[in-house]
C-alpha atoms as a PDB file:
ATOM      1  CA  MET A   1     -40.664 -53.033 -32.380  1.00  0.00           C
ATOM      2  CA  ARG A   2     -39.866 -50.697 -35.279  1.00  0.00           C
ATOM      3  CA  GLN A   3     -42.119 -48.037 -33.740  1.00  0.00           C
ATOM      4  CA  THR A   4     -40.268 -48.263 -30.407  1.00  0.00           C
ATOM      5  CA  LEU A   5     -36.888 -47.996 -32.122  1.00  0.00           C
ATOM      6  CA  ARG A   6     -38.120 -45.014 -34.134  1.00  0.00           C
ATOM      7  CA  ASN A   7     -39.351 -43.295 -30.967  1.00  0.00           C
ATOM      8  CA  LYS A   8     -36.007 -43.821 -29.270  1.00  0.00           C
ATOM      9  CA  LEU A   9     -34.129 -42.406 -32.264  1.00  0.00           C
ATOM     10  CA  TYR A  10     -36.499 -39.434 -32.354  1.00  0.00           C
ATOM     11  CA  SER A  11     -35.980 -38.777 -28.632  1.00  0.00           C
ATOM     12  CA  PHE A  12     -32.183 -39.038 -28.999  1.00  0.00           C
ATOM     13  CA  ALA A  13     -32.221 -36.631 -31.951  1.00  0.00           C
ATOM     14  CA  THR A  14     -34.348 -34.157 -29.969  1.00  0.00           C
ATOM     15  CA  VAL A  15     -31.978 -34.239 -26.980  1.00  0.00           C
ATOM     16  CA  LEU A  16     -28.960 -33.824 -29.254  1.00  0.00           C
ATOM     17  CA  THR A  17     -30.534 -30.841 -31.040  1.00  0.00           C
ATOM     18  CA  VAL A  18     -31.392 -29.110 -27.761  1.00  0.00           C
ATOM     19  CA  ALA A  19     -27.841 -29.723 -26.456  1.00  0.00           C
ATOM     20  CA  ILE A  20     -26.338 -28.201 -29.609  1.00  0.00           C
ATOM     21  CA  LEU A  21     -28.592 -25.164 -29.234  1.00  0.00           C
ATOM     22  CA  PHE A  22     -27.477 -24.652 -25.620  1.00  0.00           C
ATOM     23  CA  ILE A  23     -23.816 -24.965 -26.573  1.00  0.00           C
ATOM     24  CA  SER A  24     -24.119 -22.539 -29.483  1.00  0.00           C
ATOM     25  CA  CYS A  25     -25.938 -19.937 -27.344  1.00  0.00           C
ATOM     26  CA  GLY A  26     -22.874 -18.406 -25.651  1.00  0.00           C
ATOM     27  CA  ASP A  27     -23.005 -15.557 -23.162  1.00  0.00           C
ATOM     28  CA  ASN A  28     -22.129 -12.554 -25.320  1.00  0.00           C
ATOM     29  CA  TYR A  29     -23.061 -10.036 -22.624  1.00  0.00           C
ATOM     30  CA  GLN A  30     -20.091  -7.817 -21.826  1.00  0.00           C
ATOM     31  CA  ARG A  31     -19.892  -7.096 -18.134  1.00  0.00           C
ATOM     32  CA  VAL A  32     -18.659  -3.664 -17.142  1.00  0.00           C
ATOM     33  CA  GLY A  33     -18.065  -1.774 -13.917  1.00  0.00           C
ATOM     34  CA  GLU A  34     -18.439  -3.750 -10.713  1.00  0.00           C
ATOM     35  CA  GLU A  35     -19.811  -6.781 -12.619  1.00  0.00           C
ATOM     36  CA  ALA A  36     -16.506  -7.181 -14.472  1.00  0.00           C
ATOM     37  CA  VAL A  37     -14.433  -7.409 -11.274  1.00  0.00           C
ATOM     38  CA  LYS A  38     -14.015 -10.889  -9.891  1.00  0.00           C
ATOM     39  CA  PRO A  39     -14.339 -10.814  -6.108  1.00  0.00           C
ATOM     40  CA  ILE A  40     -11.269 -11.836  -4.136  1.00  0.00           C
ATOM     41  CA  PHE A  41     -11.131 -12.714  -0.473  1.00  0.00           C
ATOM     42  CA  PRO A  42      -8.250 -12.440   2.002  1.00  0.00           C
ATOM     43  CA  SER A  43      -6.622 -15.535   3.427  1.00  0.00           C
ATOM     44  CA  GLY A  44      -6.497 -13.836   6.826  1.00  0.00           C
ATOM     45  CA  VAL A  45      -7.841 -10.787   8.649  1.00  0.00           C
ATOM     46  CA  ALA A  46      -6.544  -9.226  11.875  1.00  0.00           C
ATOM     47  CA  GLN A  47      -8.018  -6.447  14.003  1.00  0.00           C
ATOM     48  CA  ASN A  48      -6.112  -3.949  16.170  1.00  0.00           C
ATOM     49  CA  LEU A  49      -2.848  -5.095  14.669  1.00  0.00           C
ATOM     50  CA  LYS A  50       0.508  -4.125  16.138  1.00  0.00           C
ATOM     51  CA  LEU A  51       3.673  -5.325  14.411  1.00  0.00           C
ATOM     52  CA  THR A  52       7.157  -4.649  15.731  1.00  0.00           C
ATOM     53  CA  TYR A  53      10.045  -4.867  13.258  1.00  0.00           C
ATOM     54  CA  THR A  54      13.458  -5.563  14.756  1.00  0.00           C
ATOM     55  CA  GLU A  55      16.969  -6.180  13.509  1.00  0.00           C
ATOM     56  CA  THR A  56      20.203  -7.321  15.092  1.00  0.00           C
ATOM     57  CA  ARG A  57      23.187  -5.006  15.086  1.00  0.00           C
ATOM     58  CA  GLU A  58      25.440  -7.606  13.482  1.00  0.00           C
ATOM     59  CA  GLU A  59      24.894 -10.804  11.546  1.00  0.00           C
ATOM     60  CA  MET A  60      24.729 -13.708  13.973  1.00  0.00           C
ATOM     61  CA  SER A  61      25.511 -17.385  13.672  1.00  0.00           C
ATOM     62  CA  THR A  62      23.424 -20.065  15.383  1.00  0.00           C
ATOM     63  CA  GLN A  63      25.572 -19.882  18.522  1.00  0.00           C
ATOM     64  CA  ASP A  64      25.603 -16.086  18.945  1.00  0.00           C
ATOM     65  CA  GLN A  65      23.409 -14.084  21.270  1.00  0.00           C
ATOM     66  CA  ASP A  66      22.699 -10.397  20.874  1.00  0.00           C
ATOM     67  CA  SER A  67      19.965  -7.943  21.625  1.00  0.00           C
ATOM     68  CA  SER A  68      17.789  -6.791  18.745  1.00  0.00           C
ATOM     69  CA  LYS A  69      16.923  -3.199  17.911  1.00  0.00           C
ATOM     70  CA  VAL A  70      13.407  -1.969  17.161  1.00  0.00           C
ATOM     71  CA  ILE A  71      13.406  -0.232  13.764  1.00  0.00           C
ATOM     72  CA  ALA A  72       9.639   0.219  13.233  1.00  0.00           C
ATOM     73  CA  ILE A  73       6.257  -0.344  14.884  1.00  0.00           C
ATOM     74  CA  LEU A  74       3.168  -0.621  12.683  1.00  0.00           C
ATOM     75  CA  THR A  75      -0.341  -0.294  14.110  1.00  0.00           C
ATOM     76  CA  SER A  76      -3.649  -0.551  12.248  1.00  0.00           C
ATOM     77  CA  PRO A  77      -7.328  -1.181  13.096  1.00  0.00           C
ATOM     78  CA  VAL A  78      -7.710  -3.774  10.299  1.00  0.00           C
ATOM     79  CA  TYR A  79      -5.187  -5.844   8.350  1.00  0.00           C
ATOM     80  CA  GLU A  80      -6.067  -8.078   5.395  1.00  0.00           C
ATOM     81  CA  ASN A  81      -3.663 -10.664   3.966  1.00  0.00           C
ATOM     82  CA  PHE A  82      -4.013 -11.542   0.275  1.00  0.00           C
ATOM     83  CA  ASP A  83      -1.040 -13.884   0.024  1.00  0.00           C
ATOM     84  CA  ASN A  84      -3.445 -16.404  -1.537  1.00  0.00           C
ATOM     85  CA  GLN A  85      -3.357 -14.383  -4.787  1.00  0.00           C
ATOM     86  CA  TYR A  86      -0.898 -14.824  -7.650  1.00  0.00           C
ATOM     87  CA  PHE A  87       0.467 -11.322  -6.983  1.00  0.00           C
ATOM     88  CA  LYS A  88       0.649 -11.272  -3.196  1.00  0.00           C
ATOM     89  CA  PHE A  89      -0.269  -8.169  -1.194  1.00  0.00           C
ATOM     90  CA  GLN A  90      -1.602  -6.982   2.174  1.00  0.00           C
ATOM     91  CA  THR A  91      -3.973  -4.082   2.792  1.00  0.00           C
ATOM     92  CA  PHE A  92      -4.810  -1.742   5.649  1.00  0.00           C
ATOM     93  CA  PRO A  93      -8.308  -0.582   4.618  1.00  0.00           C
ATOM     94  CA  GLU A  94      -8.930   1.569   7.695  1.00  0.00           C
ATOM     95  CA  GLY A  95      -5.565   3.289   7.809  1.00  0.00           C
ATOM     96  CA  LEU A  96      -2.269   2.722   9.558  1.00  0.00           C
ATOM     97  CA  GLN A  97       0.502   4.366  11.541  1.00  0.00           C
ATOM     98  CA  VAL A  98       4.183   3.486  11.312  1.00  0.00           C
ATOM     99  CA  ASP A  99       6.729   4.658  13.890  1.00  0.00           C
ATOM    100  CA  PHE A 100      10.295   4.581  12.506  1.00  0.00           C
ATOM    101  CA  PHE A 101      13.389   4.649  14.727  1.00  0.00           C
ATOM    102  CA  ASP A 102      16.803   5.740  13.475  1.00  0.00           C
ATOM    103  CA  ASP A 103      20.214   4.676  14.765  1.00  0.00           C
ATOM    104  CA  LYS A 104      19.847   7.063  17.715  1.00  0.00           C
ATOM    105  CA  ASP A 105      16.345   5.720  18.525  1.00  0.00           C
ATOM    106  CA  GLN A 106      14.769   8.992  17.410  1.00  0.00           C
ATOM    107  CA  LYS A 107      11.200   8.434  16.254  1.00  0.00           C
ATOM    108  CA  SER A 108       9.542   9.599  13.035  1.00  0.00           C
ATOM    109  CA  VAL A 109       5.875   8.868  12.292  1.00  0.00           C
ATOM    110  CA  ILE A 110       3.932   8.121   9.094  1.00  0.00           C
ATOM    111  CA  THR A 111       0.118   8.033   9.032  1.00  0.00           C
ATOM    112  CA  ALA A 112      -2.291   7.347   6.151  1.00  0.00           C
ATOM    113  CA  ASP A 113      -5.970   6.565   5.577  1.00  0.00           C
ATOM    114  CA  TYR A 114      -5.183   3.473   3.503  1.00  0.00           C
ATOM    115  CA  GLY A 115      -2.164   1.302   2.835  1.00  0.00           C
ATOM    116  CA  ILE A 116      -1.203  -1.590   0.598  1.00  0.00           C
ATOM    117  CA  VAL A 117       2.012  -3.622   0.773  1.00  0.00           C
ATOM    118  CA  TYR A 118       3.172  -5.536  -2.306  1.00  0.00           C
ATOM    119  CA  SER A 119       5.118  -8.478  -0.912  1.00  0.00           C
ATOM    120  CA  GLN A 120       6.927  -9.487  -4.089  1.00  0.00           C
ATOM    121  CA  THR A 121       8.226  -6.008  -4.944  1.00  0.00           C
ATOM    122  CA  ASN A 122       8.788  -4.678  -1.394  1.00  0.00           C
ATOM    123  CA  LEU A 123       6.769  -1.586  -2.315  1.00  0.00           C
ATOM    124  CA  ILE A 124       4.358   0.161   0.069  1.00  0.00           C
ATOM    125  CA  ASP A 125       1.600   2.385  -1.323  1.00  0.00           C
ATOM    126  CA  LEU A 126       0.092   4.857   1.169  1.00  0.00           C
ATOM    127  CA  GLN A 127      -3.037   6.798   0.209  1.00  0.00           C
ATOM    128  CA  GLY A 128      -5.267   9.485   1.696  1.00  0.00           C
ATOM    129  CA  ASN A 129      -4.008  12.223   4.046  1.00  0.00           C
ATOM    130  CA  VAL A 130      -0.473  10.849   4.135  1.00  0.00           C
ATOM    131  CA  VAL A 131       1.606  12.680   6.735  1.00  0.00           C
ATOM    132  CA  ILE A 132       5.266  12.171   7.663  1.00  0.00           C
ATOM    133  CA  GLU A 133       6.548  13.858  10.817  1.00  0.00           C
ATOM    134  CA  THR A 134      10.235  13.454  11.565  1.00  0.00           C
ATOM    135  CA  HIS A 135      11.849  13.512  14.997  1.00  0.00           C
ATOM    136  CA  ASP A 136      13.166  17.036  14.400  1.00  0.00           C
ATOM    137  CA  GLY A 137       9.758  18.458  13.437  1.00  0.00           C
ATOM    138  CA  LYS A 138       9.895  18.325   9.635  1.00  0.00           C
ATOM    139  CA  LYS A 139       6.504  17.529   8.110  1.00  0.00           C
ATOM    140  CA  LEU A 140       5.405  16.297   4.691  1.00  0.00           C
ATOM    141  CA  GLU A 141       1.745  16.150   3.648  1.00  0.00           C
ATOM    142  CA  THR A 142       0.536  14.529   0.411  1.00  0.00           C
ATOM    143  CA  PRO A 143      -2.425  12.455  -0.846  1.00  0.00           C
ATOM    144  CA  GLN A 144      -0.247   9.499  -1.911  1.00  0.00           C
ATOM    145  CA  LEU A 145       3.231   8.244  -1.102  1.00  0.00           C
ATOM    146  CA  PHE A 146       5.294   5.207  -2.106  1.00  0.00           C
ATOM    147  CA  TYR A 147       8.023   3.617  -0.006  1.00  0.00           C
ATOM    148  CA  ASP A 148      10.575   1.306  -1.638  1.00  0.00           C
ATOM    149  CA  ARG A 149      11.694  -0.865   1.264  1.00  0.00           C
ATOM    150  CA  SER A 150      14.495  -2.529  -0.709  1.00  0.00           C
ATOM    151  CA  ASN A 151      16.269   0.776  -1.358  1.00  0.00           C
ATOM    152  CA  GLY A 152      14.987   2.791   1.604  1.00  0.00           C
ATOM    153  CA  TRP A 153      13.604   5.387  -0.802  1.00  0.00           C
ATOM    154  CA  ILE A 154      10.338   7.366  -0.526  1.00  0.00           C
ATOM    155  CA  PHE A 155       8.660   9.179  -3.400  1.00  0.00           C
ATOM    156  CA  THR A 156       5.443  10.779  -4.611  1.00  0.00           C
ATOM    157  CA  GLU A 157       4.185  12.230  -7.891  1.00  0.00           C
ATOM    158  CA  GLU A 158       1.332  14.063  -6.179  1.00  0.00           C
ATOM    159  CA  ALA A 159       1.096  17.596  -4.804  1.00  0.00           C
ATOM    160  CA  PHE A 160       2.771  18.050  -1.428  1.00  0.00           C
ATOM    161  CA  THR A 161       3.366  20.531   1.371  1.00  0.00           C
ATOM    162  CA  TYR A 162       6.710  20.386   3.165  1.00  0.00           C
ATOM    163  CA  THR A 163       7.212  22.248   6.434  1.00  0.00           C
ATOM    164  CA  ASN A 164      10.699  22.747   7.833  1.00  0.00           C
ATOM    165  CA  PRO A 165      10.845  24.278  11.339  1.00  0.00           C
ATOM    166  CA  GLU A 166      14.629  24.632  11.213  1.00  0.00           C
ATOM    167  CA  ASP A 167      14.323  27.651   8.923  1.00  0.00           C
ATOM    168  CA  ASN A 168      10.599  28.253   9.469  1.00  0.00           C
ATOM    169  CA  THR A 169       9.640  27.667   5.822  1.00  0.00           C
ATOM    170  CA  VAL A 170       6.765  26.005   3.995  1.00  0.00           C
ATOM    171  CA  MET A 171       7.229  24.664   0.468  1.00  0.00           C
ATOM    172  CA  ASP A 172       4.432  23.558  -1.886  1.00  0.00           C
ATOM    173  CA  GLY A 173       5.169  21.456  -4.930  1.00  0.00           C
ATOM    174  CA  GLU A 174       4.401  18.435  -7.047  1.00  0.00           C
ATOM    175  CA  GLY A 175       6.512  15.290  -7.064  1.00  0.00           C
ATOM    176  CA  MET A 176       9.269  14.573  -4.549  1.00  0.00           C
ATOM    177  CA  ASP A 177      11.677  11.787  -3.658  1.00  0.00           C
ATOM    178  CA  PHE A 178      13.889  11.449  -0.601  1.00  0.00           C
ATOM    179  CA  ASN A 179      15.611   8.983   1.703  1.00  0.00           C
ATOM    180  CA  ARG A 180      14.103   7.743   4.933  1.00  0.00           C
ATOM    181  CA  ASP A 181      15.819  10.143   7.314  1.00  0.00           C
ATOM    182  CA  PHE A 182      15.185  13.273   5.173  1.00  0.00           C
ATOM    183  CA  SER A 183      18.923  13.939   4.888  1.00  0.00           C
ATOM    184  CA  TYR A 184      18.477  14.156   1.114  1.00  0.00           C
ATOM    185  CA  PHE A 185      15.390  15.131  -0.838  1.00  0.00           C
ATOM    186  CA  LYS A 186      14.589  16.464  -4.277  1.00  0.00           C
ATOM    187  CA  ALA A 187      11.399  18.258  -5.309  1.00  0.00           C
ATOM    188  CA  HIS A 188      10.410  17.795  -8.955  1.00  0.00           C
ATOM    189  CA  LYS A 189       8.330  20.968  -9.206  1.00  0.00           C
ATOM    190  CA  THR A 190       7.805  23.728  -6.652  1.00  0.00           C
ATOM    191  CA  TYR A 191       5.183  26.453  -6.545  1.00  0.00           C
ATOM    192  CA  GLY A 192       7.286  28.797  -4.449  1.00  0.00           C
ATOM    193  CA  LEU A 193       8.843  29.100  -1.042  1.00  0.00           C
ATOM    194  CA  MET A 194       7.115  31.045   1.699  1.00  0.00           C
ATOM    195  CA  THR A 195       9.123  32.162   4.707  1.00  0.00           C
ATOM    196  CA  ILE A 196       7.046  32.409   7.856  1.00  0.00           C
ATOM    197  CA  GLN A 197       9.800  33.357  10.260  1.00  0.00           C
ATOM    198  CA  GLU A 198       8.852  36.312  12.448  1.00  0.00           C
ATOM    199  CA  LYS A 199      11.361  39.056  13.047  1.00  0.00           C
ATOM    200  CA  GLU A 200      12.258  39.900  16.600  1.00  0.00           C
ATOM    201  CA  LEU A 201      10.991  43.285  17.724  1.00  0.00           C
ATOM    202  CA  ASP A 202      13.457  45.719  19.301  1.00  0.00           C
ATOM    203  CA  ASP A 203      12.584  46.927  22.801  1.00  0.00           C
END
């Protein structure tokens, strides 16, 4: 009887010792690079996406009827929704194109290789071969561009090339901010202005 009790106590002590050893042996390995990044997965994925953004001309009550106006059309091969994250966002990993329409229904186009929309801050981050072409032929090229939807303001801190066909000029610089219809813009740093207008030859 005493031998059995002693064996049980010995077994219990052995199990307890092993458990303490396992608990004390923490994982001290510091993960770096790709190992350190926790994988996240989208709550939804769409292919060949086409979104049309509209607005009504005036605020309507529940009884009013009015036609809506198209203000933008977004198309993209792939759309990923990460609204399941604490800081919500959506991505366009294979690029996107946005057609903007002003009050006169004149179209301007933005294209980029990659896009991310931060839902909570109303900020759009466009990356890779970002090109804006306005309805009147103005063109801005830059590797990255941000669009603040709340304030209708567009800006970049990267190098850019701005082409203006109205005076046949090309401007290179670094850092620029402007409003959506290009009626106001400010370059932070310019590398010079090159006029490419050709003079007319006399007969």
